[in-house]
Protein backbone atom coordinates (compact mmCIF):
# COMPACT_ATOMS: atom_id res chain seq x y z
CA MET A 1 0.00 0.00 0.00
CA SER A 2 1.38 3.39 -0.91
CA ARG A 3 1.96 6.14 1.59
CA ARG A 4 -0.62 8.23 -0.19
CA ALA A 5 -3.25 5.54 0.31
CA ASP A 6 -2.50 5.49 4.07
CA CYS A 7 -3.32 9.19 4.32
CA ARG A 8 -6.91 8.69 3.14
CA TRP A 9 -7.99 7.16 6.45
CA PRO A 10 -8.15 9.60 9.31
CA LEU A 11 -6.80 8.64 12.70
CA VAL A 12 -9.67 8.72 15.19
CA ILE A 13 -9.01 9.07 18.87
CA ASP A 14 -11.87 8.09 21.12
CA ALA A 15 -12.41 7.16 24.77
CA PRO A 16 -11.97 3.35 24.63
CA PRO A 17 -8.44 3.23 23.17
CA THR A 18 -7.11 6.19 25.18
CA PRO A 19 -4.68 4.89 27.82
CA THR A 20 -5.10 6.02 31.42
CA PRO A 21 -2.20 7.95 32.95
CA THR A 22 -0.17 6.39 35.75
CA PRO A 23 -0.96 7.42 39.34
CA PRO A 24 -0.11 11.10 39.96
CA THR A 25 2.73 10.20 42.33
CA LEU A 26 4.61 8.79 39.33
CA ALA A 27 3.42 11.36 36.80
CA CYS A 28 5.59 12.76 34.04
CA ALA A 29 4.88 15.01 31.03
CA VAL A 30 3.63 12.05 28.97
CA ASP A 31 1.10 11.21 31.68
CA ALA A 32 -0.04 14.84 31.76
CA GLU A 33 -0.64 14.68 28.04
CA LEU A 34 -2.55 11.41 28.45
CA ALA A 35 -4.65 13.04 31.18
CA VAL A 36 -5.49 15.96 28.89
CA LEU A 37 -6.24 13.55 26.03
CA GLY A 38 -8.40 11.46 28.38
CA ALA A 39 -10.33 14.58 29.40
CA LEU A 40 -10.78 15.66 25.76
CA THR A 41 -11.98 12.26 24.56
CA GLY A 42 -14.13 11.46 27.58
CA ALA A 43 -11.94 8.50 28.60
CA ILE A 44 -11.65 10.25 31.97
CA ASP A 45 -15.06 11.29 33.23
CA LEU A 46 -14.86 14.89 34.39
CA GLU A 47 -18.42 14.67 35.72
CA ILE A 48 -17.17 12.67 38.71
CA ASP A 49 -14.87 13.96 41.42
CA GLU A 50 -12.42 11.08 41.01
CA GLY A 51 -11.93 11.87 37.31
CA ARG A 52 -11.43 15.59 37.96
CA ARG A 53 -8.92 14.92 40.74
CA LEU A 54 -7.02 12.37 38.60
CA VAL A 55 -6.63 14.82 35.72
CA LEU A 56 -5.62 17.78 37.90
CA ALA A 57 -3.28 15.76 40.14
CA THR A 58 -1.59 14.21 37.11
CA ILE A 59 -0.86 17.52 35.39
CA ALA A 60 0.16 19.12 38.70
CA ALA A 61 2.64 16.32 39.49
CA ALA A 62 4.22 16.31 36.03
CA GLY A 63 6.51 19.29 36.68
CA LEU A 64 5.33 21.27 33.65
CA SER A 65 6.27 24.84 32.80
CA ASP A 66 3.71 27.48 33.79
CA ASP A 67 2.83 28.06 30.12
CA ARG A 68 2.24 24.39 29.42
CA LEU A 69 0.32 23.92 32.67
CA GLY A 70 -1.89 26.89 31.74
CA THR A 71 -2.53 25.49 28.27
CA TYR A 72 -3.47 22.08 29.65
CA ALA A 73 -5.75 23.60 32.30
CA HIS A 74 -7.45 25.68 29.59
CA LEU A 75 -7.99 22.60 27.37
CA ILE A 76 -9.37 20.57 30.27
CA ARG A 77 -11.79 23.34 31.28
CA ALA A 78 -12.89 23.77 27.66
CA ALA A 79 -13.61 20.03 27.32
CA ALA A 80 -15.57 19.80 30.56
CA PRO A 81 -19.35 20.09 30.70
CA GLY A 82 -20.69 23.13 32.63
CA SER A 83 -21.16 21.50 36.04
CA ALA A 84 -17.81 19.72 35.81
CA ARG A 85 -16.14 22.98 34.74
CA GLU A 86 -17.35 24.70 37.91
CA ALA A 87 -16.09 21.80 40.04
CA LEU A 88 -12.74 21.84 38.20
CA GLU A 89 -12.36 25.57 38.74
CA ALA A 90 -13.13 25.14 42.43
CA LEU A 91 -10.45 22.43 42.69
CA MET A 92 -7.95 24.53 40.73
CA SER A 93 -8.42 27.48 43.07
CA THR A 94 -8.25 25.42 46.27
CA VAL A 95 -5.21 26.24 48.34
CA PHE A 96 -4.08 23.46 50.62
CA LYS A 97 -2.34 24.56 53.78
CA ASP A 98 -0.48 22.57 56.34
CA GLU A 99 0.43 24.38 59.56
CA PHE A 100 3.71 22.49 59.93
CA VAL A 101 4.76 23.23 56.35
CA GLU A 102 3.64 26.86 56.58
CA ARG A 103 5.58 27.33 59.86
CA TYR A 104 8.65 25.61 58.36
CA ILE A 105 8.52 27.89 55.32
CA ALA A 106 8.04 31.00 57.49
CA GLU A 107 10.95 30.03 59.75
CA GLY A 108 13.16 29.38 56.73
CA ARG A 109 12.18 32.70 55.19
CA ALA A 110 12.88 34.56 58.47
CA LYS A 111 16.25 32.83 58.83
CA GLY A 112 17.16 33.69 55.24
CA GLU A 113 16.15 37.31 55.73
CA ALA A 114 18.23 37.56 58.93
CA GLU A 115 21.22 36.02 57.17
CA GLY A 116 20.76 38.48 54.31
CA ARG A 117 20.64 41.45 56.69
CA ALA A 118 23.78 40.22 58.47
CA LYS A 119 25.64 39.78 55.18
CA GLY A 120 24.56 43.25 54.11
CA GLN A 121 25.72 44.82 57.39
CA ALA A 122 29.01 42.91 57.22
CA ALA A 123 29.59 44.15 53.67
CA MET A 124 28.80 47.71 54.74
CA LEU A 125 31.19 47.44 57.70
CA LEU A 126 33.97 46.23 55.42
CA TRP A 127 33.18 49.07 53.02
CA ILE A 128 33.40 51.63 55.87
CA LEU A 129 36.73 50.20 57.00
CA ALA A 130 38.08 50.25 53.43
CA ALA A 131 36.86 53.83 52.91
CA ARG A 132 38.69 54.82 56.07
CA ASP A 133 41.88 53.18 54.65
CA PHE A 134 42.18 50.54 57.36
CA ASP A 135 44.32 47.59 56.32
CA LEU A 136 42.29 44.58 57.44
CA PRO A 137 44.01 41.35 58.41
CA ASP A 138 42.38 38.23 56.94
CA GLY A 139 41.30 37.08 60.42
CA ILE A 140 39.21 40.21 61.02
CA ARG A 141 37.71 40.11 57.52
CA GLU A 142 36.69 36.46 58.01
CA ARG A 143 35.31 37.22 61.46
CA VAL A 144 33.17 40.08 60.13
CA LEU A 145 31.86 37.98 57.24
CA ALA A 146 31.06 35.07 59.55
CA CYS A 147 29.22 37.22 62.10
CA ALA A 148 25.44 36.77 62.14
CA ASP A 149 24.85 38.97 65.22
CA LEU A 150 23.28 42.20 63.94
CA ASP A 151 23.92 43.99 67.24
CA GLN A 152 27.62 43.13 67.13
CA LEU A 153 27.92 44.20 63.49
CA GLY A 154 26.16 47.46 64.36
CA ALA A 155 28.49 48.10 67.28
CA TRP A 156 31.53 47.49 65.08
CA ALA A 157 30.12 49.80 62.39
CA ASP A 158 29.46 52.56 64.95
CA ALA A 159 33.03 52.25 66.20
CA ALA A 160 34.43 52.10 62.65
CA ALA A 161 32.81 55.42 61.76
CA THR A 162 35.02 57.37 64.20
CA ALA A 163 37.89 55.01 65.06
CA ARG A 164 41.49 56.10 64.63
CA SER A 165 42.76 52.50 64.66
CA LEU A 166 41.47 48.95 64.19
CA ASP A 167 42.01 48.34 67.90
CA GLU A 168 39.22 50.84 68.64
CA VAL A 169 36.85 48.77 66.46
CA PHE A 170 38.17 45.32 67.33
CA PRO A 171 39.95 45.44 70.72
CA SER A 172 42.96 43.12 70.88
CA ASP A 173 41.31 40.76 73.37
CA GLU A 174 38.36 40.09 71.03
CA SER A 175 40.02 40.19 67.61
CA GLY A 176 42.29 37.24 68.20
CA ARG A 177 45.30 39.20 66.98
C-alpha cells in the first residue's frame, strides 16, 4: 500500500483506546498529556470527582512549565461540561495549607532574611573600613563575614565610623590578633 493511500484514512481518537495515565505520584509530562487527552476524549469522566482529581493531580505532578500547565488547564476546562467545569475551577483554586509546612517555610524565610541582613551589614562594615583606609588582616575580615549577630555588626560599624585604629573597632582581646 502506498503512503498516499495510508493518508486517506483519518486517525480517530476516542475514549476506549485512550490509555489512562499512571498514578499522579509517578506522573511525568507524557502522563499529563494522556490526562489531557483522556479529558478531551471522555476517557476520563470529568463529571465525577475522582476523574477531575485524577486529571488535575496528574498535570500538577508532572513538573510542567507554567505556560504548558496553563494550556493544559485551559484545554481541560474547555472540554468539561458546565457543572464539571465549575467543580474543576473550584479544585484549581483550592489552596491546601499545612500548619507544619507553613511554619517551616516561614521560619526558613525569616532565617534567610536575617542572614541576608547580616551579610549586608558585614559588607557595609567592610566598606566603611576600606573607605577609612584601614588595612584589614584576613582574620578580622573572616570574622566580620562570619558574624550573624546584627547587634555586634552594628556596634563594630558605629566604632568604625570614628575610630582612629582597628584596635578601637576590634579590641585586641576580642580580635584574636
